[in-house]
Amino acid sequence: QVQLVESGGGLVQPGGSLRLSCAASGIIFSIHHMGWYRQAPGKQRELVAHITSGGSTNYADSVKGRFTISRDNAKNTVYLQMNSLKPEDTAVYYCHALRSNVYWGQGTQVTVSS
């Protein structure tokens, strides 16, 4: 059974930082491309950041220079370091795994507000 379990969300003030984690089980993590998506109320789910099995990364323009995606294959975990958070970053953040199939986590809420 495949599981992607996100953690690290919460309430943070504008300009603050959070680190999201996604622990994977039931898949061969090292060969999967991993990503973080987010969905704000009333908006479509959008790609935030992506990291390939080889470690190449790409980011949405709105988070470039502020967010960093990384992976630890020994821990079967992908991370999203989020700095200089803005109110518009408020959303549910979802972990995503892709190889021959697609898997999603249950999501973790990030709220940026003073």
N, C-alpha and C. Protein backbone atom coordinates (compact mmCIF):
# COMPACT_ATOMS: atom_id res chain seq x y z
N GLN A 1 0.85 -1.19 0.00
CA GLN A 1 0.00 0.00 0.00
C GLN A 1 0.89 1.24 0.00
N VAL A 2 0.63 2.11 -0.97
CA VAL A 2 1.43 3.33 -1.09
C VAL A 2 0.88 4.40 -0.15
N GLN A 3 1.79 5.04 0.58
CA GLN A 3 1.39 6.16 1.43
C GLN A 3 2.38 7.30 1.28
N LEU A 4 1.83 8.50 1.14
CA LEU A 4 2.62 9.72 1.18
C LEU A 4 2.05 10.55 2.32
N VAL A 5 2.85 10.79 3.35
CA VAL A 5 2.36 11.46 4.55
C VAL A 5 3.10 12.78 4.73
N GLU A 6 2.35 13.88 4.55
CA GLU A 6 2.92 15.21 4.70
C GLU A 6 2.88 15.65 6.16
N SER A 7 3.82 16.50 6.51
CA SER A 7 3.84 17.11 7.84
C SER A 7 4.57 18.44 7.75
N GLY A 8 4.42 19.26 8.79
CA GLY A 8 5.15 20.51 8.85
C GLY A 8 4.34 21.76 8.55
N GLY A 9 3.09 21.59 8.18
CA GLY A 9 2.26 22.76 7.91
C GLY A 9 1.88 23.47 9.20
N GLY A 10 1.26 24.63 9.04
CA GLY A 10 0.83 25.37 10.21
C GLY A 10 0.58 26.82 9.88
N LEU A 11 0.47 27.62 10.94
CA LEU A 11 0.24 29.05 10.82
C LEU A 11 1.56 29.78 11.02
N VAL A 12 1.87 30.70 10.12
CA VAL A 12 3.12 31.45 10.20
C VAL A 12 2.85 32.89 9.77
N GLN A 13 3.59 33.82 10.32
CA GLN A 13 3.44 35.22 9.94
C GLN A 13 4.13 35.49 8.60
N PRO A 14 3.67 36.51 7.89
CA PRO A 14 4.36 36.89 6.65
C PRO A 14 5.85 37.14 6.91
N GLY A 15 6.67 36.64 5.99
CA GLY A 15 8.11 36.72 6.13
C GLY A 15 8.73 35.55 6.86
N GLY A 16 7.89 34.71 7.43
CA GLY A 16 8.39 33.55 8.18
C GLY A 16 8.75 32.38 7.29
N SER A 17 9.11 31.28 7.95
CA SER A 17 9.55 30.08 7.24
C SER A 17 8.85 28.84 7.79
N LEU A 18 8.71 27.87 6.93
CA LEU A 18 8.23 26.54 7.31
C LEU A 18 8.98 25.52 6.47
N ARG A 19 9.11 24.31 7.00
CA ARG A 19 9.64 23.21 6.21
C ARG A 19 8.63 22.08 6.20
N LEU A 20 8.18 21.73 5.02
CA LEU A 20 7.27 20.61 4.86
C LEU A 20 8.07 19.34 4.58
N SER A 21 7.55 18.24 5.10
CA SER A 21 8.15 16.93 4.83
C SER A 21 7.09 16.00 4.28
N CYS A 22 7.52 15.08 3.45
CA CYS A 22 6.62 14.05 2.90
C CYS A 22 7.36 12.72 2.98
N ALA A 23 6.86 11.86 3.84
CA ALA A 23 7.46 10.53 4.00
C ALA A 23 6.70 9.53 3.15
N ALA A 24 7.42 8.81 2.31
CA ALA A 24 6.82 7.85 1.39
C ALA A 24 7.06 6.43 1.85
N SER A 25 6.06 5.59 1.62
CA SER A 25 6.21 4.17 1.87
C SER A 25 5.43 3.41 0.80
N GLY A 26 5.85 2.17 0.54
CA GLY A 26 5.16 1.34 -0.43
C GLY A 26 5.61 1.55 -1.86
N ILE A 27 6.59 2.43 -2.06
CA ILE A 27 7.15 2.65 -3.39
C ILE A 27 8.67 2.60 -3.31
N ILE A 28 9.30 2.38 -4.47
CA ILE A 28 10.76 2.50 -4.54
C ILE A 28 11.05 3.98 -4.71
N PHE A 29 11.26 4.65 -3.58
CA PHE A 29 11.29 6.11 -3.56
C PHE A 29 12.33 6.67 -4.52
N SER A 30 13.50 6.05 -4.58
CA SER A 30 14.63 6.65 -5.31
C SER A 30 14.36 6.78 -6.80
N ILE A 31 13.45 5.98 -7.35
CA ILE A 31 13.22 6.05 -8.80
C ILE A 31 12.02 6.93 -9.14
N HIS A 32 11.35 7.46 -8.12
CA HIS A 32 10.18 8.29 -8.35
C HIS A 32 10.55 9.76 -8.42
N HIS A 33 9.94 10.46 -9.37
CA HIS A 33 9.99 11.91 -9.40
C HIS A 33 9.00 12.41 -8.35
N MET A 34 9.40 13.42 -7.58
CA MET A 34 8.57 13.90 -6.47
C MET A 34 8.24 15.37 -6.66
N GLY A 35 7.09 15.75 -6.16
CA GLY A 35 6.71 17.15 -6.30
C GLY A 35 5.83 17.62 -5.16
N TRP A 36 5.74 18.94 -5.08
CA TRP A 36 4.80 19.59 -4.17
C TRP A 36 3.84 20.44 -5.00
N TYR A 37 2.58 20.26 -4.72
CA TYR A 37 1.52 21.06 -5.33
C TYR A 37 0.79 21.79 -4.20
N ARG A 38 0.02 22.81 -4.60
CA ARG A 38 -0.80 23.49 -3.61
C ARG A 38 -2.14 23.87 -4.22
N GLN A 39 -3.12 23.99 -3.34
CA GLN A 39 -4.46 24.40 -3.77
C GLN A 39 -5.03 25.37 -2.76
N ALA A 40 -5.26 26.59 -3.22
CA ALA A 40 -5.89 27.61 -2.39
C ALA A 40 -7.40 27.55 -2.59
N PRO A 41 -8.16 28.06 -1.63
CA PRO A 41 -9.62 28.03 -1.76
C PRO A 41 -10.08 28.70 -3.04
N GLY A 42 -10.93 28.00 -3.80
CA GLY A 42 -11.48 28.55 -5.02
C GLY A 42 -10.53 28.55 -6.20
N LYS A 43 -9.36 27.94 -6.04
CA LYS A 43 -8.38 27.92 -7.13
C LYS A 43 -8.03 26.49 -7.50
N GLN A 44 -7.44 26.33 -8.68
CA GLN A 44 -7.01 25.01 -9.12
C GLN A 44 -5.70 24.62 -8.44
N ARG A 45 -5.51 23.33 -8.33
CA ARG A 45 -4.24 22.84 -7.79
C ARG A 45 -3.13 23.21 -8.76
N GLU A 46 -2.00 23.67 -8.22
CA GLU A 46 -0.89 24.10 -9.06
C GLU A 46 0.42 23.51 -8.57
N LEU A 47 1.33 23.31 -9.52
CA LEU A 47 2.66 22.82 -9.18
C LEU A 47 3.45 23.90 -8.48
N VAL A 48 4.08 23.55 -7.37
CA VAL A 48 4.96 24.46 -6.64
C VAL A 48 6.42 24.17 -6.97
N ALA A 49 6.80 22.91 -6.83
CA ALA A 49 8.19 22.52 -7.06
C ALA A 49 8.23 21.04 -7.39
N HIS A 50 9.27 20.67 -8.14
CA HIS A 50 9.40 19.29 -8.60
C HIS A 50 10.86 18.91 -8.54
N ILE A 51 11.12 17.66 -8.17
CA ILE A 51 12.50 17.14 -8.18
C ILE A 51 12.48 15.77 -8.82
N THR A 52 13.34 15.57 -9.79
CA THR A 52 13.38 14.28 -10.49
C THR A 52 14.12 13.24 -9.65
N SER A 53 14.07 12.01 -10.11
CA SER A 53 14.81 10.95 -9.41
C SER A 53 16.31 11.23 -9.45
N GLY A 54 16.75 11.98 -10.43
CA GLY A 54 18.16 12.32 -10.54
C GLY A 54 18.56 13.59 -9.80
N GLY A 55 17.55 14.28 -9.22
CA GLY A 55 17.85 15.45 -8.42
C GLY A 55 17.67 16.79 -9.13
N SER A 56 17.24 16.79 -10.38
CA SER A 56 16.98 18.06 -11.06
C SER A 56 15.70 18.68 -10.52
N THR A 57 15.71 19.99 -10.40
CA THR A 57 14.57 20.68 -9.79
C THR A 57 13.98 21.74 -10.71
N ASN A 58 12.71 22.03 -10.52
CA ASN A 58 12.10 23.19 -11.15
C ASN A 58 11.03 23.73 -10.22
N TYR A 59 10.73 25.02 -10.40
CA TYR A 59 9.86 25.74 -9.49
C TYR A 59 8.86 26.60 -10.25
N ALA A 60 7.72 26.82 -9.62
CA ALA A 60 6.79 27.81 -10.12
C ALA A 60 7.45 29.19 -10.00
N ASP A 61 7.17 30.07 -10.95
CA ASP A 61 7.78 31.40 -10.92
C ASP A 61 7.47 32.12 -9.61
N SER A 62 6.30 31.88 -9.06
CA SER A 62 5.87 32.61 -7.86
C SER A 62 6.68 32.24 -6.61
N VAL A 63 7.41 31.13 -6.65
CA VAL A 63 8.16 30.71 -5.46
C VAL A 63 9.66 30.66 -5.69
N LYS A 64 10.11 30.92 -6.90
CA LYS A 64 11.55 30.88 -7.20
C LYS A 64 12.30 31.84 -6.29
N GLY A 65 13.39 31.35 -5.74
CA GLY A 65 14.20 32.17 -4.84
C GLY A 65 13.74 32.16 -3.40
N ARG A 66 12.55 31.61 -3.15
CA ARG A 66 12.02 31.56 -1.79
C ARG A 66 11.86 30.13 -1.28
N PHE A 67 11.52 29.20 -2.17
CA PHE A 67 11.28 27.81 -1.79
C PHE A 67 12.39 26.93 -2.34
N THR A 68 12.71 25.87 -1.61
CA THR A 68 13.70 24.90 -2.05
C THR A 68 13.17 23.49 -1.82
N ILE A 69 13.16 22.70 -2.88
CA ILE A 69 12.77 21.30 -2.76
C ILE A 69 14.03 20.44 -2.68
N SER A 70 13.98 19.41 -1.86
CA SER A 70 15.11 18.48 -1.74
C SER A 70 14.57 17.10 -1.39
N ARG A 71 15.43 16.11 -1.54
CA ARG A 71 15.01 14.75 -1.22
C ARG A 71 16.13 14.02 -0.51
N ASP A 72 15.75 13.08 0.35
CA ASP A 72 16.68 12.21 1.04
C ASP A 72 16.24 10.79 0.74
N ASN A 73 16.91 10.15 -0.20
CA ASN A 73 16.50 8.81 -0.61
C ASN A 73 16.70 7.78 0.51
N ALA A 74 17.64 8.02 1.39
CA ALA A 74 17.86 7.10 2.51
C ALA A 74 16.69 7.12 3.50
N LYS A 75 15.98 8.26 3.54
CA LYS A 75 14.85 8.40 4.46
C LYS A 75 13.51 8.34 3.74
N ASN A 76 13.54 8.12 2.42
CA ASN A 76 12.30 8.08 1.64
C ASN A 76 11.46 9.33 1.87
N THR A 77 12.12 10.47 1.90
CA THR A 77 11.43 11.72 2.26
C THR A 77 11.81 12.83 1.29
N VAL A 78 10.81 13.64 0.95
CA VAL A 78 11.03 14.84 0.16
C VAL A 78 10.63 16.03 1.03
N TYR A 79 11.37 17.12 0.88
CA TYR A 79 11.17 18.31 1.71
C TYR A 79 10.84 19.52 0.84
N LEU A 80 10.18 20.48 1.46
CA LEU A 80 9.97 21.77 0.84
C LEU A 80 10.28 22.83 1.89
N GLN A 81 11.43 23.49 1.73
CA GLN A 81 11.79 24.59 2.61
C GLN A 81 11.19 25.86 2.04
N MET A 82 10.36 26.52 2.84
CA MET A 82 9.64 27.70 2.38
C MET A 82 10.08 28.89 3.23
N ASN A 83 10.70 29.87 2.59
CA ASN A 83 11.16 31.08 3.26
C ASN A 83 10.43 32.29 2.72
N SER A 84 10.50 33.39 3.44
CA SER A 84 9.87 34.65 3.02
C SER A 84 8.42 34.43 2.61
N LEU A 85 7.70 33.73 3.45
CA LEU A 85 6.32 33.37 3.11
C LEU A 85 5.43 34.60 3.01
N LYS A 86 4.49 34.52 2.07
CA LYS A 86 3.55 35.60 1.80
C LYS A 86 2.12 35.09 2.04
N PRO A 87 1.19 35.99 2.30
CA PRO A 87 -0.21 35.55 2.46
C PRO A 87 -0.72 34.74 1.27
N GLU A 88 -0.25 35.06 0.08
CA GLU A 88 -0.72 34.33 -1.10
C GLU A 88 -0.16 32.92 -1.19
N ASP A 89 0.74 32.56 -0.29
CA ASP A 89 1.21 31.17 -0.22
C ASP A 89 0.25 30.29 0.58
N THR A 90 -0.75 30.89 1.18
CA THR A 90 -1.73 30.13 1.95
C THR A 90 -2.46 29.14 1.06
N ALA A 91 -2.42 27.87 1.45
CA ALA A 91 -3.03 26.81 0.64
C ALA A 91 -2.86 25.48 1.36
N VAL A 92 -3.52 24.47 0.85
CA VAL A 92 -3.22 23.09 1.24
C VAL A 92 -2.12 22.60 0.31
N TYR A 93 -1.06 22.09 0.89
CA TYR A 93 0.10 21.62 0.12
C TYR A 93 0.07 20.09 0.06
N TYR A 94 0.22 19.58 -1.15
CA TYR A 94 0.14 18.14 -1.40
C TYR A 94 1.47 17.62 -1.95
N CYS A 95 1.83 16.47 -1.44
CA CYS A 95 2.99 15.74 -1.95
C CYS A 95 2.55 14.86 -3.12
N HIS A 96 3.41 14.68 -4.09
CA HIS A 96 3.08 13.98 -5.32
C HIS A 96 4.25 13.10 -5.72
N ALA A 97 3.96 11.87 -6.11
CA ALA A 97 5.00 10.94 -6.58
C ALA A 97 4.59 10.43 -7.95
N LEU A 98 5.57 10.36 -8.85
CA LEU A 98 5.29 9.97 -10.23
C LEU A 98 6.36 9.03 -10.75
N ARG A 99 5.90 7.92 -11.28
CA ARG A 99 6.77 7.07 -12.10
C ARG A 99 5.84 6.47 -13.15
N SER A 100 5.51 5.23 -13.04
CA SER A 100 4.51 4.67 -13.95
C SER A 100 3.10 4.96 -13.45
N ASN A 101 2.96 5.24 -12.17
CA ASN A 101 1.69 5.64 -11.56
C ASN A 101 1.87 6.99 -10.87
N VAL A 102 0.74 7.57 -10.50
CA VAL A 102 0.75 8.84 -9.78
C VAL A 102 0.16 8.62 -8.39
N TYR A 103 0.80 9.18 -7.40
CA TYR A 103 0.32 9.06 -6.02
C TYR A 103 0.28 10.45 -5.39
N TRP A 104 -0.71 10.63 -4.50
CA TRP A 104 -0.88 11.90 -3.80
C TRP A 104 -0.95 11.66 -2.30
N GLY A 105 -0.44 12.64 -1.54
CA GLY A 105 -0.64 12.65 -0.11
C GLY A 105 -1.98 13.27 0.23
N GLN A 106 -2.27 13.34 1.53
CA GLN A 106 -3.57 13.84 1.97
C GLN A 106 -3.58 15.36 2.11
N GLY A 107 -2.41 15.97 2.10
CA GLY A 107 -2.30 17.42 2.17
C GLY A 107 -2.04 17.93 3.57
N THR A 108 -1.38 19.08 3.63
CA THR A 108 -1.13 19.76 4.90
C THR A 108 -1.40 21.25 4.70
N GLN A 109 -2.09 21.84 5.66
CA GLN A 109 -2.49 23.25 5.53
C GLN A 109 -1.35 24.17 5.90
N VAL A 110 -1.12 25.16 5.05
CA VAL A 110 -0.18 26.24 5.34
C VAL A 110 -0.97 27.55 5.31
N THR A 111 -0.92 28.28 6.40
CA THR A 111 -1.61 29.55 6.49
C THR A 111 -0.61 30.64 6.85
N VAL A 112 -0.54 31.66 6.00
CA VAL A 112 0.38 32.78 6.22
C VAL A 112 -0.47 34.00 6.53
N SER A 113 -0.40 34.42 7.77
CA SER A 113 -1.26 35.52 8.21
C SER A 113 -0.68 36.17 9.45
N SER A 114 -0.93 37.47 9.56
CA SER A 114 -0.50 38.18 10.77
C SER A 114 -1.65 38.24 11.78
